[in-house]
Amino acid sequence: MRIGVSAVTINRGGSGTGQYLLNLLGALVAEARDCEFIVFALDRDRELFDSFGPPVRVVSVGEDFRPGSRHLAWHQFVLPRLARDLALDVLHVPALNRFPWAKPCPLVGTVDNSDRFPDNPAAGWSRAWFRRTLLPALARRQDELVAVNAAAAAELIDVLGVPSCQVTVIPNGVDHARFHPGDRETAATWLAREHGLRPPFFLSVARLEHPENNLLRLIEAFNRFKAETPSPWQLVLAGPDGRGAAAVRERIRRSPYAPDIRCPGHVAPERLTTWYHAAGAFVSTAFGAGFGLAPLEAMASGCPVLVAEGSGAAELCGRAALTADASDVEAIEFQLAALAGNAPLRTHLAFAGVQRAGRFAWRKTAAATLEVYVRASRRVRVPVLTHPVLSAPVS
């Protein structure tokens, strides 16, 4: 089987989509030895796939398509033509808002967030229109959809109107060779030397985005926590700037505890474990039905975890993590204080998290995804159709 995979949205491997694809592809190569994988990647991202060997062939995409609006158009106009020319049996696009309309071959998509912000004024009317009008049509256009958890699957079916027979829940995995409990003192020594940062601290690993990652409430909860306790705990927001990062940085600047809030930027994947080992607790207050790969990795590394109540991450973590109403600053503050002030609680959560994370492995994800590819490939091919709205070619 010849399987095409779009890696145009992986952002140098630093995004959640990037980590998903790199880990999934590595497991697929080991699981499906009779398959050929055609990966479409931007020129500067090609090197990320060098280690996969002959089963993976990389087709270069010009760097001109890196900006979001341009790679959106690339998925609609260029990718279908390439898929047809390469005689793909299946095309997998792992980003909901990049699903193609044209069908040169059976289409598979992955949904890892709930896209709950269609009315965000900062997004602009065109983005809101795209999400309300075109996104449901694109989702229904795919032959098979992979939802990373039950919450995302429910939204595909109930909100976007995708038939349930087209949706399969396949949880992400975790690389247990990399993410496992380790020595906290060694990790703390490295952070002190490289970043001038010493424990204890709460760690968030997410883009500096507003409102999606809900970081303004986390910062406000941290401010209240610091005001009410003499705690030395700090807050580390590790991640690259995203949409709305200026609002996040301005809120930090106005915090009376700004010196205790650190933004080290993007953390290299190979160094994430060190941060998890050194952190006193991992915190995610993001809304939505996303899988929550970072909380899973933190749990596997033996780091206590706090996630948003009702989120996809809470579904993932089960009883192995604390939860808080992410719309309630006082609720977040209460749980921050509980983590900082209760060492036995942190020890319990660390142990429970390791046990919970042990259930997730990329080989399981790959095996289930391969079954989806096979189901999709058995469907009758349909000819390439003109996109109903985006009708002009990209120069």
Protein backbone atom coordinates (compact mmCIF):
# COMPACT_ATOMS: atom_id res chain seq x y z
CA MET A 1 0.00 0.00 0.00
CA ARG A 2 1.25 3.48 -0.88
CA ILE A 3 0.27 5.93 1.87
CA GLY A 4 0.66 9.69 1.56
CA VAL A 5 1.08 11.78 4.70
CA SER A 6 0.98 15.57 4.87
CA ALA A 7 3.65 16.90 7.22
CA VAL A 8 3.37 20.51 6.10
CA THR A 9 1.87 21.65 9.43
CA ILE A 10 4.46 20.10 11.76
CA ASN A 11 6.29 23.38 12.51
CA ARG A 12 9.81 21.90 12.62
CA GLY A 13 8.47 19.03 14.73
CA GLY A 14 7.73 21.32 17.66
CA SER A 15 3.94 21.33 17.43
CA GLY A 16 1.59 18.71 18.80
CA THR A 17 0.85 17.68 15.22
CA GLY A 18 4.58 17.39 14.58
CA GLN A 19 5.17 15.11 17.55
CA TYR A 20 2.12 13.05 16.62
CA LEU A 21 3.29 12.51 13.05
CA LEU A 22 6.92 11.79 13.85
CA ASN A 23 6.04 9.25 16.52
CA LEU A 24 3.25 7.67 14.49
CA LEU A 25 5.37 7.38 11.37
CA GLY A 26 8.22 5.76 13.28
CA ALA A 27 5.85 3.16 14.69
CA LEU A 28 4.13 2.63 11.32
CA VAL A 29 7.43 1.91 9.59
CA ALA A 30 8.10 -0.83 12.14
CA GLU A 31 4.52 -2.13 12.06
CA ALA A 32 3.77 -2.06 8.31
CA ARG A 33 6.85 -3.38 6.54
CA ASP A 34 4.99 -3.90 3.26
CA CYS A 35 3.84 -0.27 3.00
CA GLU A 36 5.47 2.72 1.32
CA PHE A 37 5.03 6.14 2.92
CA ILE A 38 5.16 9.32 0.85
CA VAL A 39 5.66 12.27 3.21
CA PHE A 40 5.02 15.81 1.99
CA ALA A 41 7.28 18.12 4.00
CA LEU A 42 8.54 21.68 3.78
CA ASP A 43 12.16 21.96 2.66
CA ARG A 44 13.54 22.86 6.09
CA ASP A 45 11.63 19.98 7.72
CA ARG A 46 12.95 17.25 5.43
CA GLU A 47 15.80 16.37 7.78
CA LEU A 48 13.32 15.30 10.47
CA PHE A 49 12.52 12.23 8.37
CA ASP A 50 16.08 11.18 7.54
CA SER A 51 16.14 8.45 10.19
CA PHE A 52 13.12 6.56 8.86
CA GLY A 53 14.96 4.90 5.98
CA PRO A 54 13.75 3.59 2.59
CA PRO A 55 10.09 2.93 3.49
CA VAL A 56 9.69 6.72 3.79
CA ARG A 57 10.10 8.92 0.74
CA VAL A 58 9.97 12.68 1.25
CA VAL A 59 8.45 14.97 -1.37
CA SER A 60 9.66 18.54 -0.89
CA VAL A 61 7.26 21.44 -0.51
CA GLY A 62 8.68 24.93 -1.04
CA GLU A 63 9.22 27.15 1.97
CA ASP A 64 6.91 29.69 0.34
CA PHE A 65 4.08 27.52 1.64
CA ARG A 66 5.11 27.69 5.31
CA PRO A 67 2.74 30.60 6.22
CA GLY A 68 -0.62 29.30 7.37
CA SER A 69 -2.77 30.84 4.65
CA ARG A 70 -0.49 29.49 1.94
CA HIS A 71 -0.26 25.94 3.23
CA LEU A 72 -4.04 25.96 3.63
CA ALA A 73 -4.29 26.69 -0.11
CA TRP A 74 -1.55 24.13 -0.84
CA HIS A 75 -3.65 21.40 0.78
CA GLN A 76 -6.64 22.32 -1.39
CA PHE A 77 -4.99 22.79 -4.78
CA VAL A 78 -1.52 21.26 -4.90
CA LEU A 79 -1.74 18.21 -2.63
CA PRO A 80 -4.64 16.52 -4.48
CA ARG A 81 -2.76 16.80 -7.76
CA LEU A 82 0.39 15.30 -6.22
CA ALA A 83 -1.63 12.49 -4.66
CA ARG A 84 -3.14 11.62 -8.03
CA ASP A 85 0.19 11.79 -9.88
CA LEU A 86 1.84 9.54 -7.27
CA ALA A 87 -1.04 7.03 -7.42
CA LEU A 88 -1.54 7.02 -3.66
CA ASP A 89 -3.79 4.39 -2.16
CA VAL A 90 -4.57 6.59 0.87
CA LEU A 91 -3.86 10.22 1.79
CA HIS A 92 -3.61 11.12 5.50
CA VAL A 93 -3.89 14.76 6.60
CA PRO A 94 -3.50 15.16 10.39
CA ALA A 95 -5.02 18.64 10.74
CA LEU A 96 -8.76 19.32 10.81
CA ASN A 97 -8.56 22.74 9.16
CA ARG A 98 -6.33 21.42 6.36
CA PHE A 99 -8.51 18.56 5.16
CA PRO A 100 -8.68 18.60 1.34
CA TRP A 101 -11.93 18.74 -0.58
CA ALA A 102 -10.74 17.05 -3.76
CA LYS A 103 -10.55 13.24 -3.68
CA PRO A 104 -7.74 11.87 -5.81
CA CYS A 105 -7.76 8.81 -3.52
CA PRO A 106 -9.39 7.74 -0.24
CA LEU A 107 -8.88 10.38 2.46
CA VAL A 108 -8.01 9.89 6.14
CA GLY A 109 -7.85 12.72 8.66
CA THR A 110 -6.86 13.05 12.31
CA VAL A 111 -8.67 15.36 14.72
CA ASP A 112 -6.82 16.24 17.90
CA ASN A 113 -8.72 19.30 19.13
CA SER A 114 -12.28 20.54 19.37
CA ASP A 115 -11.88 23.85 17.52
CA ARG A 116 -14.19 25.54 20.02
CA PHE A 117 -13.39 29.15 19.20
CA PRO A 118 -15.34 30.08 16.06
CA ASP A 119 -16.50 33.36 17.59
CA ASN A 120 -13.14 34.61 18.84
CA PRO A 121 -13.05 38.26 17.64
CA ALA A 122 -9.27 38.13 17.38
CA ALA A 123 -9.56 35.39 14.77
CA GLY A 124 -11.38 37.64 12.28
CA TRP A 125 -14.58 37.06 10.35
CA SER A 126 -12.98 34.94 7.64
CA ARG A 127 -11.63 32.38 10.12
CA ALA A 128 -14.97 32.28 11.93
CA TRP A 129 -16.77 31.72 8.60
CA PHE A 130 -14.32 29.00 7.64
CA ARG A 131 -14.93 27.13 10.89
CA ARG A 132 -18.70 27.49 10.85
CA THR A 133 -19.34 26.82 7.19
CA LEU A 134 -16.52 25.04 5.41
CA LEU A 135 -14.98 22.97 8.20
CA PRO A 136 -18.02 20.68 8.69
CA ALA A 137 -18.18 20.04 4.94
CA LEU A 138 -14.47 19.19 4.79
CA ALA A 139 -14.77 16.83 7.77
CA ARG A 140 -17.68 14.96 6.19
CA ARG A 141 -15.74 14.76 2.93
CA GLN A 142 -13.06 12.47 4.44
CA ASP A 143 -13.51 8.70 4.08
CA GLU A 144 -12.19 7.88 7.55
CA LEU A 145 -11.48 10.10 10.56
CA VAL A 146 -9.26 9.32 13.53
CA ALA A 147 -10.30 11.03 16.77
CA VAL A 148 -7.66 10.98 19.49
CA ASN A 149 -10.26 10.61 22.25
CA ALA A 150 -13.97 10.15 22.84
CA ALA A 151 -14.58 13.88 23.34
CA ALA A 152 -13.15 14.74 19.92
CA ALA A 153 -15.16 11.92 18.34
CA ALA A 154 -18.37 13.19 19.92
CA GLU A 155 -17.80 16.66 18.51
CA LEU A 156 -17.10 15.29 15.04
CA ILE A 157 -20.39 13.41 15.14
CA ASP A 158 -22.61 15.82 17.08
CA VAL A 159 -21.24 19.20 15.97
CA LEU A 160 -19.75 18.64 12.53
CA GLY A 161 -22.25 16.01 11.47
CA VAL A 162 -19.79 13.27 10.51
CA PRO A 163 -21.44 9.81 10.37
CA SER A 164 -20.30 7.73 13.32
CA CYS A 165 -19.27 4.87 11.00
CA GLN A 166 -16.48 7.12 9.64
CA VAL A 167 -14.96 7.92 13.06
CA THR A 168 -12.48 5.75 14.95
CA VAL A 169 -11.07 6.67 18.37
CA ILE A 170 -7.33 5.95 18.45
CA PRO A 171 -5.42 7.43 21.42
CA ASN A 172 -1.92 8.75 20.86
CA GLY A 173 0.98 6.90 22.42
CA VAL A 174 4.01 7.82 24.43
CA ASP A 175 7.67 7.06 23.78
CA HIS A 176 8.52 5.20 26.97
CA ALA A 177 12.16 4.92 25.95
CA ARG A 178 12.39 8.70 26.27
CA PHE A 179 9.70 9.59 28.80
CA HIS A 180 10.22 7.73 32.07
CA PRO A 181 10.96 8.66 35.71
CA GLY A 182 14.46 10.02 36.29
CA ASP A 183 16.74 11.77 38.72
CA ARG A 184 15.31 15.13 39.76
CA GLU A 185 18.58 16.50 41.12
CA THR A 186 20.43 15.86 37.85
CA ALA A 187 17.67 17.58 35.90
CA ALA A 188 17.64 20.53 38.31
CA THR A 189 21.41 20.93 37.99
CA TRP A 190 21.15 21.06 34.19
CA LEU A 191 18.34 23.66 34.29
CA ALA A 192 20.27 25.83 36.72
CA ARG A 193 23.33 25.72 34.49
CA GLU A 194 21.58 26.21 31.15
CA HIS A 195 18.65 28.45 32.10
CA GLY A 196 19.41 29.88 35.53
CA LEU A 197 16.22 28.23 36.78
CA ARG A 198 15.92 26.35 40.05
CA PRO A 199 12.98 24.30 41.42
CA PRO A 200 10.33 24.37 42.63
CA PHE A 201 8.19 25.42 39.68
CA PHE A 202 4.94 24.67 37.88
CA LEU A 203 5.53 23.76 34.23
CA SER A 204 3.25 24.42 31.27
CA VAL A 205 4.29 23.09 27.85
CA ALA A 206 2.12 24.77 25.24
CA ARG A 207 2.18 27.54 22.68
CA LEU A 208 1.73 31.03 24.12
CA GLU A 209 -1.75 31.32 22.60
CA HIS A 210 -4.81 33.25 23.69
CA PRO A 211 -7.55 32.27 24.33
CA GLU A 212 -7.08 28.64 23.27
CA ASN A 213 -4.52 27.67 25.93
CA ASN A 214 -6.17 29.76 28.65
CA LEU A 215 -2.83 31.07 29.91
CA LEU A 216 -4.19 34.41 31.15
CA ARG A 217 -6.27 32.62 33.79
CA LEU A 218 -3.30 30.43 34.72
CA ILE A 219 -1.16 33.54 35.21
CA GLU A 220 -3.88 35.21 37.29
CA ALA A 221 -4.27 32.07 39.43
CA PHE A 222 -0.51 32.01 39.95
CA ASN A 223 -0.59 35.68 40.99
CA ARG A 224 -3.23 34.93 43.62
CA PHE A 225 -1.34 31.85 44.79
CA LYS A 226 1.80 33.92 45.31
CA ALA A 227 -0.09 36.72 47.03
CA GLU A 228 -1.65 34.37 49.56
CA THR A 229 1.35 32.17 50.35
CA PRO A 230 5.05 32.76 51.00
CA SER A 231 5.78 30.00 48.49
CA PRO A 232 9.01 30.08 46.44
CA TRP A 233 7.31 28.22 43.56
CA GLN A 234 7.69 29.74 40.10
CA LEU A 235 5.67 29.37 36.87
CA VAL A 236 7.37 28.28 33.65
CA LEU A 237 5.45 28.71 30.37
CA ALA A 238 7.52 26.67 27.91
CA GLY A 239 6.47 27.00 24.29
CA PRO A 240 6.84 29.17 21.18
CA ASP A 241 4.74 32.24 20.56
CA GLY A 242 1.39 31.59 18.92
CA ARG A 243 -1.68 33.65 18.07
CA GLY A 244 -2.37 36.04 20.93
CA ALA A 245 1.12 35.71 22.45
CA ALA A 246 1.30 39.49 22.88
CA ALA A 247 -1.64 39.36 25.31
CA VAL A 248 0.06 36.63 27.32
CA ARG A 249 3.35 38.52 27.54
CA GLU A 250 1.58 41.73 28.50
CA ARG A 251 -0.22 39.94 31.34
CA ILE A 252 3.12 38.61 32.57
CA ARG A 253 4.66 42.09 32.35
CA ARG A 254 1.86 43.50 34.54
CA SER A 255 2.12 40.71 37.11
CA PRO A 256 3.56 41.75 40.49
CA TYR A 257 5.35 38.39 40.38
CA ALA A 258 6.75 38.76 36.86
CA PRO A 259 10.29 37.73 37.98
CA ASP A 260 8.84 34.36 39.02
CA ILE A 261 7.21 33.74 35.61
CA ARG A 262 9.60 32.40 33.01
CA CYS A 263 9.09 31.92 29.26
CA PRO A 264 12.02 29.87 27.90
CA GLY A 265 10.43 29.50 24.46
CA HIS A 266 10.29 26.27 22.50
CA VAL A 267 11.84 23.30 24.32
CA ALA A 268 13.64 20.81 22.07
CA PRO A 269 11.85 17.42 22.16
CA GLU A 270 15.00 15.66 23.33
CA ARG A 271 15.14 17.97 26.37
CA LEU A 272 11.49 17.75 27.44
CA THR A 273 12.14 14.85 29.80
CA THR A 274 14.68 16.92 31.71
CA TRP A 275 12.09 19.65 32.26
CA TYR A 276 9.49 17.12 33.42
CA HIS A 277 11.97 15.57 35.86
CA ALA A 278 12.85 18.95 37.37
CA ALA A 279 9.31 20.36 37.57
CA GLY A 280 7.35 20.14 40.80
CA ALA A 281 4.13 19.75 38.80
CA PHE A 282 2.88 19.98 35.23
CA VAL A 283 -0.11 22.26 34.60
CA SER A 284 -2.41 22.48 31.59
CA THR A 285 -5.43 24.78 31.74
CA ALA A 286 -6.25 24.50 28.04
CA PHE A 287 -9.88 24.08 27.06
CA GLY A 288 -11.00 21.66 24.41
CA ALA A 289 -11.06 18.03 23.46
CA GLY A 290 -7.44 17.78 22.37
CA PHE A 291 -5.57 14.64 23.33
CA GLY A 292 -3.05 16.30 25.61
CA LEU A 293 0.23 14.70 24.55
CA ALA A 294 2.24 16.87 26.98
CA PRO A 295 0.27 15.72 30.09
CA LEU A 296 0.78 12.10 29.01
CA GLU A 297 4.52 12.62 28.60
CA ALA A 298 4.69 14.39 31.94
CA MET A 299 2.89 11.51 33.67
CA ALA A 300 5.19 8.96 32.04
CA SER A 301 8.15 11.00 33.34
CA GLY A 302 6.88 10.86 36.92
CA CYS A 303 5.71 14.48 37.09
CA PRO A 304 2.44 15.25 38.98
CA VAL A 305 -0.20 16.65 36.61
CA LEU A 306 -3.04 19.19 36.83
CA VAL A 307 -5.39 19.54 33.84
CA ALA A 308 -8.60 21.32 32.92
CA GLU A 309 -11.77 19.65 34.11
CA GLY A 310 -13.81 18.21 31.25
CA SER A 311 -11.00 18.55 28.72
CA GLY A 312 -9.55 15.89 26.48
CA ALA A 313 -6.52 15.83 28.76
CA ALA A 314 -8.75 15.04 31.75
CA GLU A 315 -10.25 12.11 29.83
CA LEU A 316 -6.74 10.90 29.11
CA CYS A 317 -5.41 11.24 32.66
CA GLY A 318 -8.39 9.78 34.50
CA ARG A 319 -7.86 9.71 38.27
CA ALA A 320 -4.09 9.97 37.88
CA ALA A 321 -4.22 13.79 37.75
CA LEU A 322 -5.81 16.69 39.59
CA THR A 323 -8.43 18.68 37.69
CA ALA A 324 -9.74 22.23 37.99
CA ASP A 325 -12.50 24.23 36.35
CA ALA A 326 -10.32 26.11 33.86
CA SER A 327 -12.81 28.97 33.63
CA ASP A 328 -12.50 29.60 37.39
CA VAL A 329 -9.31 31.36 38.51
CA GLU A 330 -9.97 30.51 42.16
CA ALA A 331 -10.33 26.81 41.32
CA ILE A 332 -7.00 26.82 39.51
CA GLU A 333 -5.38 28.69 42.39
CA PHE A 334 -6.75 26.17 44.89
CA GLN A 335 -5.16 23.26 43.02
CA LEU A 336 -1.84 25.09 42.59
CA ALA A 337 -1.75 25.58 46.36
CA ALA A 338 -2.65 21.92 46.92
CA LEU A 339 0.22 20.77 44.71
CA ALA A 340 2.76 23.15 46.18
CA GLY A 341 1.83 22.47 49.79
CA ASN A 342 1.31 18.71 49.80
CA ALA A 343 4.39 16.58 49.04
CA PRO A 344 2.57 13.25 49.70
CA LEU A 345 -0.07 14.28 47.13
CA ARG A 346 2.64 14.96 44.55
CA THR A 347 4.22 11.58 45.27
CA HIS A 348 0.85 9.83 44.88
CA LEU A 349 0.11 11.61 41.59
CA ALA A 350 3.58 10.87 40.24
CA PHE A 351 3.15 7.14 40.87
CA ALA A 352 -0.42 7.04 39.53
CA GLY A 353 0.63 8.97 36.43
CA VAL A 354 3.39 6.53 35.54
CA GLN A 355 0.93 3.64 35.89
CA ARG A 356 -1.67 5.39 33.74
CA ALA A 357 0.78 6.41 31.02
CA GLY A 358 1.93 2.82 30.74
CA ARG A 359 -1.33 2.02 28.96
CA PHE A 360 -0.40 4.16 25.96
CA ALA A 361 2.15 3.10 23.34
CA TRP A 362 2.79 4.28 19.77
CA ARG A 363 2.89 0.71 18.44
CA LYS A 364 -0.76 0.34 19.51
CA THR A 365 -1.62 3.65 17.84
CA ALA A 366 0.17 2.59 14.64
CA ALA A 367 -1.55 -0.81 14.47
CA ALA A 368 -5.00 0.77 14.85
CA THR A 369 -4.20 3.53 12.34
CA LEU A 370 -3.04 0.96 9.80
CA GLU A 371 -6.44 -0.73 10.08
CA VAL A 372 -8.06 2.61 9.26
CA TYR A 373 -5.84 2.95 6.17
CA VAL A 374 -6.88 -0.50 5.00
CA ARG A 375 -10.58 0.29 5.45
CA ALA A 376 -10.21 3.58 3.59
CA SER A 377 -8.25 2.02 0.72
CA ARG A 378 -11.04 -0.46 0.01
CA ARG A 379 -13.44 2.31 -0.84
CA VAL A 380 -14.17 3.21 -4.45
CA ARG A 381 -12.04 6.06 -5.74
CA VAL A 382 -13.82 9.16 -7.00
CA PRO A 383 -12.49 11.73 -9.48
CA VAL A 384 -10.89 14.99 -8.39
CA LEU A 385 -13.61 17.64 -8.01
CA THR A 386 -13.37 21.40 -8.10
CA HIS A 387 -13.38 22.92 -4.65
CA PRO A 388 -16.80 24.51 -4.02
CA VAL A 389 -15.46 27.80 -2.65
CA LEU A 390 -11.72 28.11 -3.23
CA SER A 391 -11.79 27.98 -7.01
CA ALA A 392 -8.70 29.92 -8.03
CA PRO A 393 -5.32 28.17 -8.35
CA VAL A 394 -2.40 29.20 -6.17
CA SER A 395 0.53 30.86 -7.94
